[in-house]
């Protein structure tokens, strides 16, 4: 039961992480502003404090998102498939966020954001893979300890 509750809380956290970039909803104007979209990533690049905060913020925010999403979608696989799933899901969520911004004043939809969000989630998923491989790099031995203090080792499928 505790595991289901923890997984439920993590899913809730992911939904919150995905939806917070939409706020404040008072910016919604209801008509598209197609001319405001920045289609080319980093076309407005300038080494300003605000631009760097935006880039680092997007990447950092989605590192957390990618880490927890990979945890929830975790597969016992040494392939890149779980990371690819996280990246694909993140691209879809990020494009949805930017599409919503087309209808908001004071917001600028940008492919730079999509790219940074995707890179951040990919890094988060990669960091999860690294942490998982380090946690189980040594063989895990499962033992039953009896009341008299004796131990019985069980065969291990991870070693």
C-alpha atoms as a PDB file:
ATOM      1  CA  UNK A   1       0.000   0.000   0.000  1.00  0.00           C
ATOM      2  CA  UNK A   2       2.808   2.419   0.847  1.00  0.00           C
ATOM      3  CA  UNK A   3       4.437   1.772  -2.548  1.00  0.00           C
ATOM      4  CA  UNK A   4       1.181   2.586  -4.365  1.00  0.00           C
ATOM      5  CA  UNK A   5       0.822   5.775  -2.331  1.00  0.00           C
ATOM      6  CA  UNK A   6       4.425   6.790  -3.118  1.00  0.00           C
ATOM      7  CA  UNK A   7       3.928   6.105  -6.834  1.00  0.00           C
ATOM      8  CA  UNK A   8       0.678   8.096  -6.738  1.00  0.00           C
ATOM      9  CA  UNK A   9       2.442  11.029  -5.097  1.00  0.00           C
ATOM     10  CA  UNK A  10       5.225  10.884  -7.688  1.00  0.00           C
ATOM     11  CA  UNK A  11       2.680  10.925 -10.519  1.00  0.00           C
ATOM     12  CA  UNK A  12       1.022  13.922  -8.865  1.00  0.00           C
ATOM     13  CA  UNK A  13       4.417  15.627  -8.600  1.00  0.00           C
ATOM     14  CA  UNK A  14       5.041  15.015 -12.312  1.00  0.00           C
ATOM     15  CA  UNK A  15       1.664  16.490 -13.239  1.00  0.00           C
ATOM     16  CA  UNK A  16       2.397  19.551 -11.102  1.00  0.00           C
ATOM     17  CA  UNK A  17       5.885  19.892 -12.641  1.00  0.00           C
ATOM     18  CA  UNK A  18       4.341  19.705 -16.120  1.00  0.00           C
ATOM     19  CA  UNK A  19       1.527  22.184 -15.415  1.00  0.00           C
ATOM     20  CA  UNK A  20       3.291  24.921 -13.419  1.00  0.00           C
ATOM     21  CA  UNK A  21       4.870  26.455 -16.561  1.00  0.00           C
ATOM     22  CA  UNK A  22       1.321  27.259 -17.758  1.00  0.00           C
ATOM     23  CA  UNK A  23       0.668  29.696 -14.911  1.00  0.00           C
ATOM     24  CA  UNK A  24      -0.530  32.394 -14.478  1.00  0.00           C
ATOM     25  CA  UNK A  25      -3.667  31.502 -16.398  1.00  0.00           C
ATOM     26  CA  UNK A  26      -4.761  35.168 -16.406  1.00  0.00           C
ATOM     27  CA  UNK A  27      -2.465  35.704 -19.403  1.00  0.00           C
ATOM     28  CA  UNK A  28      -4.788  33.606 -21.588  1.00  0.00           C
ATOM     29  CA  UNK A  29      -6.314  35.787 -24.333  1.00  0.00           C
ATOM     30  CA  UNK A  30      -8.070  33.131 -26.412  1.00  0.00           C
ATOM     31  CA  UNK A  31      -6.739  34.094 -29.830  1.00  0.00           C
ATOM     32  CA  UNK A  32      -3.504  32.790 -31.344  1.00  0.00           C
ATOM     33  CA  UNK A  33      -0.437  34.962 -31.719  1.00  0.00           C
ATOM     34  CA  UNK A  34       1.315  32.994 -34.474  1.00  0.00           C
ATOM     35  CA  UNK A  35       3.687  35.858 -35.242  1.00  0.00           C
ATOM     36  CA  UNK A  36       5.198  35.690 -31.741  1.00  0.00           C
ATOM     37  CA  UNK A  37       6.581  32.150 -32.056  1.00  0.00           C
ATOM     38  CA  UNK A  38      10.350  31.819 -32.114  1.00  0.00           C
ATOM     39  CA  UNK A  39      10.728  28.820 -34.409  1.00  0.00           C
ATOM     40  CA  UNK A  40      14.531  28.678 -34.462  1.00  0.00           C
ATOM     41  CA  UNK A  41      16.163  27.676 -31.164  1.00  0.00           C
ATOM     42  CA  UNK A  42      18.543  30.279 -29.746  1.00  0.00           C
ATOM     43  CA  UNK A  43      17.740  32.793 -32.531  1.00  0.00           C
ATOM     44  CA  UNK A  44      17.539  35.505 -29.886  1.00  0.00           C
ATOM     45  CA  UNK A  45      20.609  34.345 -27.986  1.00  0.00           C
ATOM     46  CA  UNK A  46      22.269  36.963 -25.874  1.00  0.00           C
ATOM     47  CA  UNK A  47      24.495  36.445 -22.896  1.00  0.00           C
ATOM     48  CA  UNK A  48      22.185  38.271 -20.506  1.00  0.00           C
ATOM     49  CA  UNK A  49      21.301  37.289 -16.967  1.00  0.00           C
ATOM     50  CA  UNK A  50      17.593  36.763 -17.768  1.00  0.00           C
ATOM     51  CA  UNK A  51      18.307  34.590 -20.793  1.00  0.00           C
ATOM     52  CA  UNK A  52      20.751  32.405 -18.845  1.00  0.00           C
ATOM     53  CA  UNK A  53      18.317  32.072 -15.935  1.00  0.00           C
ATOM     54  CA  UNK A  54      15.615  30.995 -18.394  1.00  0.00           C
ATOM     55  CA  UNK A  55      17.867  28.384 -20.014  1.00  0.00           C
ATOM     56  CA  UNK A  56      19.264  27.023 -16.737  1.00  0.00           C
ATOM     57  CA  UNK A  57      15.792  27.086 -15.158  1.00  0.00           C
ATOM     58  CA  UNK A  58      14.225  25.093 -18.002  1.00  0.00           C
ATOM     59  CA  UNK A  59      16.994  22.521 -17.994  1.00  0.00           C
ATOM     60  CA  UNK A  60      17.047  22.215 -14.192  1.00  0.00           C
ATOM     61  CA  UNK A  61      13.261  21.979 -13.900  1.00  0.00           C
ATOM     62  CA  UNK A  62      13.104  19.202 -16.441  1.00  0.00           C
ATOM     63  CA  UNK A  63      16.090  17.311 -15.001  1.00  0.00           C
ATOM     64  CA  UNK A  64      13.872  16.693 -11.974  1.00  0.00           C
ATOM     65  CA  UNK A  65      10.942  15.834 -14.252  1.00  0.00           C
ATOM     66  CA  UNK A  66      13.007  13.387 -16.335  1.00  0.00           C
ATOM     67  CA  UNK A  67      14.523  11.715 -13.266  1.00  0.00           C
ATOM     68  CA  UNK A  68      11.152  11.010 -11.644  1.00  0.00           C
ATOM     69  CA  UNK A  69       9.464  10.064 -14.928  1.00  0.00           C
ATOM     70  CA  UNK A  70      12.202   7.519 -15.627  1.00  0.00           C
ATOM     71  CA  UNK A  71      11.785   6.193 -12.084  1.00  0.00           C
ATOM     72  CA  UNK A  72       8.051   5.713 -12.634  1.00  0.00           C
ATOM     73  CA  UNK A  73       8.505   4.164 -16.074  1.00  0.00           C
ATOM     74  CA  UNK A  74      11.549   2.188 -14.921  1.00  0.00           C
ATOM     75  CA  UNK A  75      12.281  -0.884 -16.914  1.00  0.00           C
ATOM     76  CA  UNK A  76      15.040  -3.335 -16.204  1.00  0.00           C
ATOM     77  CA  UNK A  77      16.876  -2.563 -19.380  1.00  0.00           C
ATOM     78  CA  UNK A  78      20.398  -1.585 -20.205  1.00  0.00           C
ATOM     79  CA  UNK A  79      19.283  -0.085 -23.511  1.00  0.00           C
ATOM     80  CA  UNK A  80      18.514   3.533 -24.230  1.00  0.00           C
ATOM     81  CA  UNK A  81      14.799   2.750 -24.617  1.00  0.00           C
ATOM     82  CA  UNK A  82      13.655   4.136 -21.217  1.00  0.00           C
ATOM     83  CA  UNK A  83      15.581   7.374 -21.788  1.00  0.00           C
ATOM     84  CA  UNK A  84      14.087   7.636 -25.287  1.00  0.00           C
ATOM     85  CA  UNK A  85      10.584   7.238 -23.782  1.00  0.00           C
ATOM     86  CA  UNK A  86      11.255  10.033 -21.300  1.00  0.00           C
ATOM     87  CA  UNK A  87      12.560  12.282 -24.084  1.00  0.00           C
ATOM     88  CA  UNK A  88       9.547  11.571 -26.322  1.00  0.00           C
ATOM     89  CA  UNK A  89       7.053  12.224 -23.514  1.00  0.00           C
ATOM     90  CA  UNK A  90       8.888  15.425 -22.606  1.00  0.00           C
ATOM     91  CA  UNK A  91       8.867  16.675 -26.201  1.00  0.00           C
ATOM     92  CA  UNK A  92       5.087  16.189 -26.305  1.00  0.00           C
ATOM     93  CA  UNK A  93       4.533  17.937 -22.961  1.00  0.00           C
ATOM     94  CA  UNK A  94       6.895  20.772 -23.839  1.00  0.00           C
ATOM     95  CA  UNK A  95       5.259  21.335 -27.234  1.00  0.00           C
ATOM     96  CA  UNK A  96       1.874  21.397 -25.473  1.00  0.00           C
ATOM     97  CA  UNK A  97       3.114  24.047 -23.039  1.00  0.00           C
ATOM     98  CA  UNK A  98       4.486  26.172 -25.874  1.00  0.00           C
ATOM     99  CA  UNK A  99       1.256  25.725 -27.876  1.00  0.00           C
ATOM    100  CA  UNK A 100      -0.709  27.022 -24.885  1.00  0.00           C
ATOM    101  CA  UNK A 101       1.591  30.045 -24.756  1.00  0.00           C
ATOM    102  CA  UNK A 102       0.546  30.980 -28.315  1.00  0.00           C
ATOM    103  CA  UNK A 103      -2.755  32.018 -26.728  1.00  0.00           C
ATOM    104  CA  UNK A 104      -1.210  33.978 -23.825  1.00  0.00           C
ATOM    105  CA  UNK A 105      -0.111  37.580 -23.697  1.00  0.00           C
ATOM    106  CA  UNK A 106       3.221  38.288 -22.029  1.00  0.00           C
ATOM    107  CA  UNK A 107       4.443  34.802 -22.997  1.00  0.00           C
ATOM    108  CA  UNK A 108       6.703  33.959 -25.923  1.00  0.00           C
ATOM    109  CA  UNK A 109       6.470  30.444 -27.335  1.00  0.00           C
ATOM    110  CA  UNK A 110       9.958  29.309 -28.240  1.00  0.00           C
ATOM    111  CA  UNK A 111      11.655  26.238 -29.620  1.00  0.00           C
ATOM    112  CA  UNK A 112      14.563  27.128 -27.326  1.00  0.00           C
ATOM    113  CA  UNK A 113      12.322  26.180 -24.399  1.00  0.00           C
ATOM    114  CA  UNK A 114      11.325  22.901 -26.055  1.00  0.00           C
ATOM    115  CA  UNK A 115      14.966  22.058 -26.697  1.00  0.00           C
ATOM    116  CA  UNK A 116      16.098  22.976 -23.156  1.00  0.00           C
ATOM    117  CA  UNK A 117      13.200  21.067 -21.574  1.00  0.00           C
ATOM    118  CA  UNK A 118      14.007  17.996 -23.647  1.00  0.00           C
ATOM    119  CA  UNK A 119      17.722  18.166 -22.869  1.00  0.00           C
ATOM    120  CA  UNK A 120      16.910  18.567 -19.170  1.00  0.00           C
ATOM    121  CA  UNK A 121      14.573  15.566 -19.105  1.00  0.00           C
ATOM    122  CA  UNK A 122      17.084  13.464 -21.044  1.00  0.00           C
ATOM    123  CA  UNK A 123      19.769  14.392 -18.516  1.00  0.00           C
ATOM    124  CA  UNK A 124      17.427  13.561 -15.641  1.00  0.00           C
ATOM    125  CA  UNK A 125      16.670  10.147 -17.134  1.00  0.00           C
ATOM    126  CA  UNK A 126      20.378   9.583 -17.726  1.00  0.00           C
ATOM    127  CA  UNK A 127      21.164  10.543 -14.115  1.00  0.00           C
ATOM    128  CA  UNK A 128      18.538   8.032 -12.980  1.00  0.00           C
ATOM    129  CA  UNK A 129      20.268   5.347 -15.065  1.00  0.00           C
ATOM    130  CA  UNK A 130      23.608   6.281 -13.494  1.00  0.00           C
ATOM    131  CA  UNK A 131      22.215   6.167  -9.968  1.00  0.00           C
ATOM    132  CA  UNK A 132      20.477   2.854 -10.624  1.00  0.00           C
ATOM    133  CA  UNK A 133      23.619   1.278 -12.036  1.00  0.00           C
ATOM    134  CA  UNK A 134      25.669   2.462  -9.050  1.00  0.00           C
ATOM    135  CA  UNK A 135      23.151   1.242  -6.504  1.00  0.00           C
ATOM    136  CA  UNK A 136      23.177  -2.268  -7.936  1.00  0.00           C
ATOM    137  CA  UNK A 137      26.758  -2.463  -9.153  1.00  0.00           C
ATOM    138  CA  UNK A 138      27.645  -4.838  -6.328  1.00  0.00           C
ATOM    139  CA  UNK A 139      25.833  -8.161  -6.011  1.00  0.00           C
ATOM    140  CA  UNK A 140      22.805  -8.030  -3.765  1.00  0.00           C
ATOM    141  CA  UNK A 141      22.495 -10.923  -1.336  1.00  0.00           C
ATOM    142  CA  UNK A 142      19.158 -11.676   0.215  1.00  0.00           C
ATOM    143  CA  UNK A 143      19.198 -13.525   3.506  1.00  0.00           C
ATOM    144  CA  UNK A 144      16.648 -14.709   6.001  1.00  0.00           C
ATOM    145  CA  UNK A 145      17.717 -14.210   9.602  1.00  0.00           C
ATOM    146  CA  UNK A 146      16.118 -16.673  11.976  1.00  0.00           C
ATOM    147  CA  UNK A 147      15.339 -16.087  15.629  1.00  0.00           C
ATOM    148  CA  UNK A 148      18.423 -18.043  16.719  1.00  0.00           C
ATOM    149  CA  UNK A 149      20.634 -15.658  14.679  1.00  0.00           C
ATOM    150  CA  UNK A 150      21.405 -18.068  11.850  1.00  0.00           C
ATOM    151  CA  UNK A 151      21.176 -16.817   8.265  1.00  0.00           C
ATOM    152  CA  UNK A 152      19.994 -18.500   5.106  1.00  0.00           C
ATOM    153  CA  UNK A 153      21.234 -16.974   1.835  1.00  0.00           C
ATOM    154  CA  UNK A 154      18.898 -17.074  -1.146  1.00  0.00           C
ATOM    155  CA  UNK A 155      19.983 -17.222  -4.793  1.00  0.00           C
ATOM    156  CA  UNK A 156      20.228 -13.814  -6.380  1.00  0.00           C
ATOM    157  CA  UNK A 157      19.068 -12.972  -9.875  1.00  0.00           C
ATOM    158  CA  UNK A 158      21.061  -9.696  -9.995  1.00  0.00           C
ATOM    159  CA  UNK A 159      24.522 -11.137  -9.384  1.00  0.00           C
END
